[in-house]
Structures are given as structure tokens and as C-alpha cells.
Amino acid sequence: MLYSDVYSSPFGSLFLESDGTSLIGLKNDYWKKNSASLHTNYTSGSHLSCIDLTKKWLDIYFSGHAPDFIPPLLLSGTNFQKMVWQLLLQIPFGKLATYGDIAHQIIKLKNLKSMSAQAVGGAVGANPIAIIIPCHRVIGKNNNLVGYRGGLNLKYNLLKLEKIPVESLIMPKISPFL
């Protein structure tokens, strides 16, 4: 059985998905509308402890602070995707990494000769649990604000919330921020 609940964030509704014991998805409305992989049959999850912990985490986060815990997560994906998502969890609140930085971490961890930043980008883009697994903290090389399944507007606002100097980021030519 799958469960869901809604969290009202300062940037719109967030949709929480659970298997009953762990969070399996966290998406915003933009992501939800543009995703073919959403489940449709949910039971209310408002009574679940994992949903309560997720909401507590989000309350702390949206108050501008780094939560000191992670709610229980169940990640479904390839081994490579799960490795990338674990590396994303290591990016501190208020800090950024590039796709290339993550590729270099994988090169060291796996003793590889090379790793494609584009492959990392694919795994980052497949992240099912936005914000908590902080894919919004990943930018392109040369400070380019690129890619976010939840929409670049949300990514921009999340970085700003974390007091990251967004004015130093290079915005896309067609930007919703102008």
C-alpha cells in the first residue's frame, strides 16, 4: 500500500509519498505535473511517523536551518543512482557542488579512470526525494544554474533560502527570475 500527504511550503505544495515506514518520494507541483512515474492510488499518510518526521524536517529546513536528522528513506533506483544520491546527502546545507565534483568523487571511490558528468546528471535528475536529498545544491560548471526536475524557480529559491549567493550564479538565457 502507498500513502501520501501534502506539505505546504513557502514555495508551494510538496507531495510526500510513503510505503508506510519510509519516505519514497517528495515532489513539488511542477515535478508532479511533469512526471510520468507518479503513483495514482494512495491512502492518506497523515498518521504515519515517517510523514511526521518528514514534515518536522521540512519545518526546520524552511525556517532557514539545517536539520540534524534525515527521516527514514527508501530509495529505489540503480546502484549507480543510489551512490550518487548518497553523495548528494553529503553536500552540506548552504554549499554547492558541480556535476563534475560528484563525478570526481565517484572516480576516487570506485578507482575509475573517468566518469561522465552527464551520467551523474542523469542520476541527479532521477532523484525521487527532492530537497531532503539535495539535488538543488548541484550546479553546472562555471557557476551555471542548470537542471532541476522541480523547476529552476524552486531551485533558485531553495539556494537563496540556504543563503547561497545566488547573484553569483549564471542564470539561463530564458529565466523566470528576471
Protein backbone atom coordinates (compact mmCIF):
# COMPACT_ATOMS: atom_id res chain seq x y z
CA MET A 1 0.00 0.00 0.00
CA LEU A 2 1.18 3.51 -0.81
CA TYR A 3 0.50 6.57 1.29
CA SER A 4 0.65 10.28 0.58
CA ASP A 5 0.28 13.61 2.28
CA VAL A 6 0.78 17.26 1.35
CA TYR A 7 3.10 19.78 2.98
CA SER A 8 2.54 23.50 2.43
CA SER A 9 5.95 25.07 1.90
CA PRO A 10 6.74 28.76 1.33
CA PHE A 11 7.21 27.84 -2.34
CA GLY A 12 4.05 25.81 -2.87
CA SER A 13 2.72 22.38 -2.05
CA LEU A 14 5.06 19.43 -1.64
CA PHE A 15 3.74 15.91 -2.13
CA LEU A 16 5.08 13.26 0.24
CA GLU A 17 4.92 9.59 -0.73
CA SER A 18 5.48 6.68 1.66
CA ASP A 19 5.42 2.90 1.70
CA GLY A 20 4.16 3.09 5.29
CA THR A 21 7.52 3.07 7.04
CA SER A 22 9.79 5.23 4.87
CA LEU A 23 9.59 8.26 2.61
CA ILE A 24 9.79 7.12 -1.03
CA GLY A 25 9.03 10.40 -2.78
CA LEU A 26 8.96 14.15 -2.25
CA LYS A 27 7.88 16.27 -5.20
CA ASN A 28 6.54 19.73 -5.83
CA ASP A 29 3.56 20.54 -8.07
CA TYR A 30 5.78 21.27 -11.11
CA TRP A 31 7.54 17.92 -10.75
CA LYS A 32 4.26 16.11 -10.14
CA LYS A 33 2.66 17.58 -13.31
CA ASN A 34 5.70 16.75 -15.43
CA SER A 35 6.36 13.22 -14.19
CA ALA A 36 5.19 10.03 -15.83
CA SER A 37 6.30 7.92 -12.88
CA LEU A 38 3.83 9.03 -10.22
CA HIS A 39 1.65 6.51 -8.48
CA THR A 40 -2.07 7.17 -8.54
CA ASN A 41 -3.60 5.03 -5.80
CA TYR A 42 -2.76 6.46 -2.41
CA THR A 43 -4.12 6.19 1.09
CA SER A 44 -3.80 9.15 3.44
CA GLY A 45 -0.43 9.03 5.20
CA SER A 46 -1.09 11.84 7.67
CA HIS A 47 -0.92 9.36 10.57
CA LEU A 48 2.48 7.85 9.68
CA SER A 49 5.56 8.54 11.80
CA CYS A 50 7.76 8.79 8.68
CA ILE A 51 5.46 11.50 7.31
CA ASP A 52 5.51 13.32 10.67
CA LEU A 53 9.34 13.19 10.72
CA THR A 54 9.49 14.43 7.13
CA LYS A 55 7.23 17.37 7.99
CA LYS A 56 9.38 18.15 11.04
CA TRP A 57 12.49 18.06 8.80
CA LEU A 58 10.79 20.40 6.31
CA ASP A 59 9.68 22.79 9.08
CA ILE A 60 13.28 23.11 10.25
CA TYR A 61 14.60 23.45 6.69
CA PHE A 62 12.11 26.12 5.65
CA SER A 63 12.88 28.09 8.82
CA GLY A 64 16.35 28.56 7.27
CA HIS A 65 18.21 25.97 9.34
CA ALA A 66 19.95 22.70 8.58
CA PRO A 67 18.01 19.76 10.08
CA ASP A 68 20.21 17.47 12.19
CA PHE A 69 18.46 14.25 11.12
CA ILE A 70 17.18 12.55 7.99
CA PRO A 71 13.73 10.95 8.03
CA PRO A 72 13.65 7.27 7.06
CA LEU A 73 14.14 6.99 3.30
CA LEU A 74 13.64 4.07 0.93
CA LEU A 75 15.43 4.67 -2.34
CA SER A 76 14.51 2.79 -5.48
CA GLY A 77 16.96 3.06 -8.33
CA THR A 78 20.07 1.57 -9.83
CA ASN A 79 23.19 1.07 -7.73
CA PHE A 80 24.78 3.99 -9.55
CA GLN A 81 21.81 6.27 -8.84
CA LYS A 82 21.81 5.27 -5.16
CA MET A 83 25.55 6.02 -4.95
CA VAL A 84 25.01 9.48 -6.44
CA TRP A 85 22.08 10.16 -4.08
CA GLN A 86 24.22 9.16 -1.09
CA LEU A 87 26.88 11.62 -2.28
CA LEU A 88 24.21 14.33 -2.59
CA LEU A 89 23.29 13.75 1.06
CA GLN A 90 26.88 14.71 1.93
CA ILE A 91 26.63 18.20 0.39
CA PRO A 92 26.22 20.47 3.43
CA PHE A 93 23.39 22.95 3.86
CA GLY A 94 24.44 26.24 2.24
CA LYS A 95 27.10 24.67 -0.01
CA LEU A 96 27.21 23.79 -3.69
CA ALA A 97 28.80 21.04 -5.77
CA THR A 98 29.06 20.59 -9.50
CA TYR A 99 28.22 17.50 -11.51
CA GLY A 100 31.97 17.27 -12.17
CA ASP A 101 32.74 17.35 -8.44
CA ILE A 102 30.46 14.37 -7.90
CA ALA A 103 31.97 12.56 -10.89
CA HIS A 104 35.43 13.04 -9.34
CA GLN A 105 34.20 11.62 -6.01
CA ILE A 106 32.94 8.53 -7.84
CA ILE A 107 36.27 8.18 -9.68
CA LYS A 108 38.05 8.10 -6.32
CA LEU A 109 35.52 5.80 -4.62
CA LYS A 110 35.43 3.30 -7.47
CA ASN A 111 39.06 3.68 -8.57
CA LEU A 112 37.96 4.56 -12.10
CA LYS A 113 39.89 6.34 -14.82
CA SER A 114 36.98 8.61 -15.74
CA MET A 115 33.33 9.32 -15.09
CA SER A 116 30.93 11.35 -17.16
CA ALA A 117 29.41 14.41 -15.51
CA GLN A 118 26.42 13.78 -17.79
CA ALA A 119 25.94 10.33 -16.24
CA VAL A 120 25.97 11.97 -12.84
CA GLY A 121 23.44 14.50 -14.12
CA GLY A 122 21.13 11.68 -15.17
CA ALA A 123 21.28 10.15 -11.71
CA VAL A 124 20.80 13.52 -10.02
CA GLY A 125 17.76 14.16 -12.23
CA ALA A 126 16.25 10.81 -11.22
CA ASN A 127 16.32 11.69 -7.51
CA PRO A 128 12.86 10.77 -6.15
CA ILE A 129 13.17 12.73 -2.89
CA ALA A 130 13.70 16.41 -3.64
CA ILE A 131 15.08 18.84 -1.05
CA ILE A 132 15.98 16.19 1.54
CA ILE A 133 18.33 14.59 -0.97
CA PRO A 134 19.65 18.00 -2.02
CA CYS A 135 19.93 17.78 -5.79
CA HIS A 136 19.17 21.53 -5.82
CA ARG A 137 22.70 22.08 -4.48
CA VAL A 138 24.24 20.72 -7.70
CA ILE A 139 25.12 23.24 -10.39
CA GLY A 140 26.86 23.13 -13.72
CA LYS A 141 30.46 24.06 -14.32
CA ASN A 142 31.36 27.74 -14.30
CA ASN A 143 28.58 28.51 -11.78
CA ASN A 144 25.77 27.75 -14.23
CA LEU A 145 22.34 27.28 -12.69
CA VAL A 146 21.12 24.28 -14.63
CA GLY A 147 18.60 21.49 -14.43
CA TYR A 148 16.09 20.78 -11.71
CA ARG A 149 13.11 18.48 -12.10
CA GLY A 150 11.20 20.65 -9.65
CA GLY A 151 11.75 23.71 -11.86
CA LEU A 152 14.59 26.23 -11.83
CA ASN A 153 12.46 28.72 -9.91
CA LEU A 154 12.25 26.33 -6.93
CA LYS A 155 15.97 25.51 -7.19
CA TYR A 156 16.82 29.21 -7.16
CA ASN A 157 14.58 29.84 -4.14
CA LEU A 158 15.96 26.86 -2.20
CA LEU A 159 19.53 28.06 -2.75
CA LYS A 160 18.52 31.55 -1.67
CA LEU A 161 16.87 30.11 1.46
CA GLU A 162 20.19 28.42 2.28
CA LYS A 163 21.89 31.81 1.95
CA ILE A 164 23.90 30.72 -1.06
CA PRO A 165 24.87 33.85 -3.03
CA VAL A 166 22.58 33.23 -5.99
CA GLU A 167 23.64 36.50 -7.61
CA SER A 168 26.97 34.80 -8.44
CA LEU A 169 25.22 32.06 -10.41
CA ILE A 170 24.84 32.28 -14.16
CA MET A 171 21.15 32.12 -14.98
CA PRO A 172 19.74 30.52 -18.13
CA LYS A 173 19.10 32.92 -21.02
CA ILE A 174 15.36 32.37 -20.69
CA SER A 175 14.95 32.85 -16.98
CA PRO A 176 11.83 33.01 -14.81
CA PHE A 177 13.83 35.12 -12.33
CA LEU A 178 14.12 38.26 -14.44
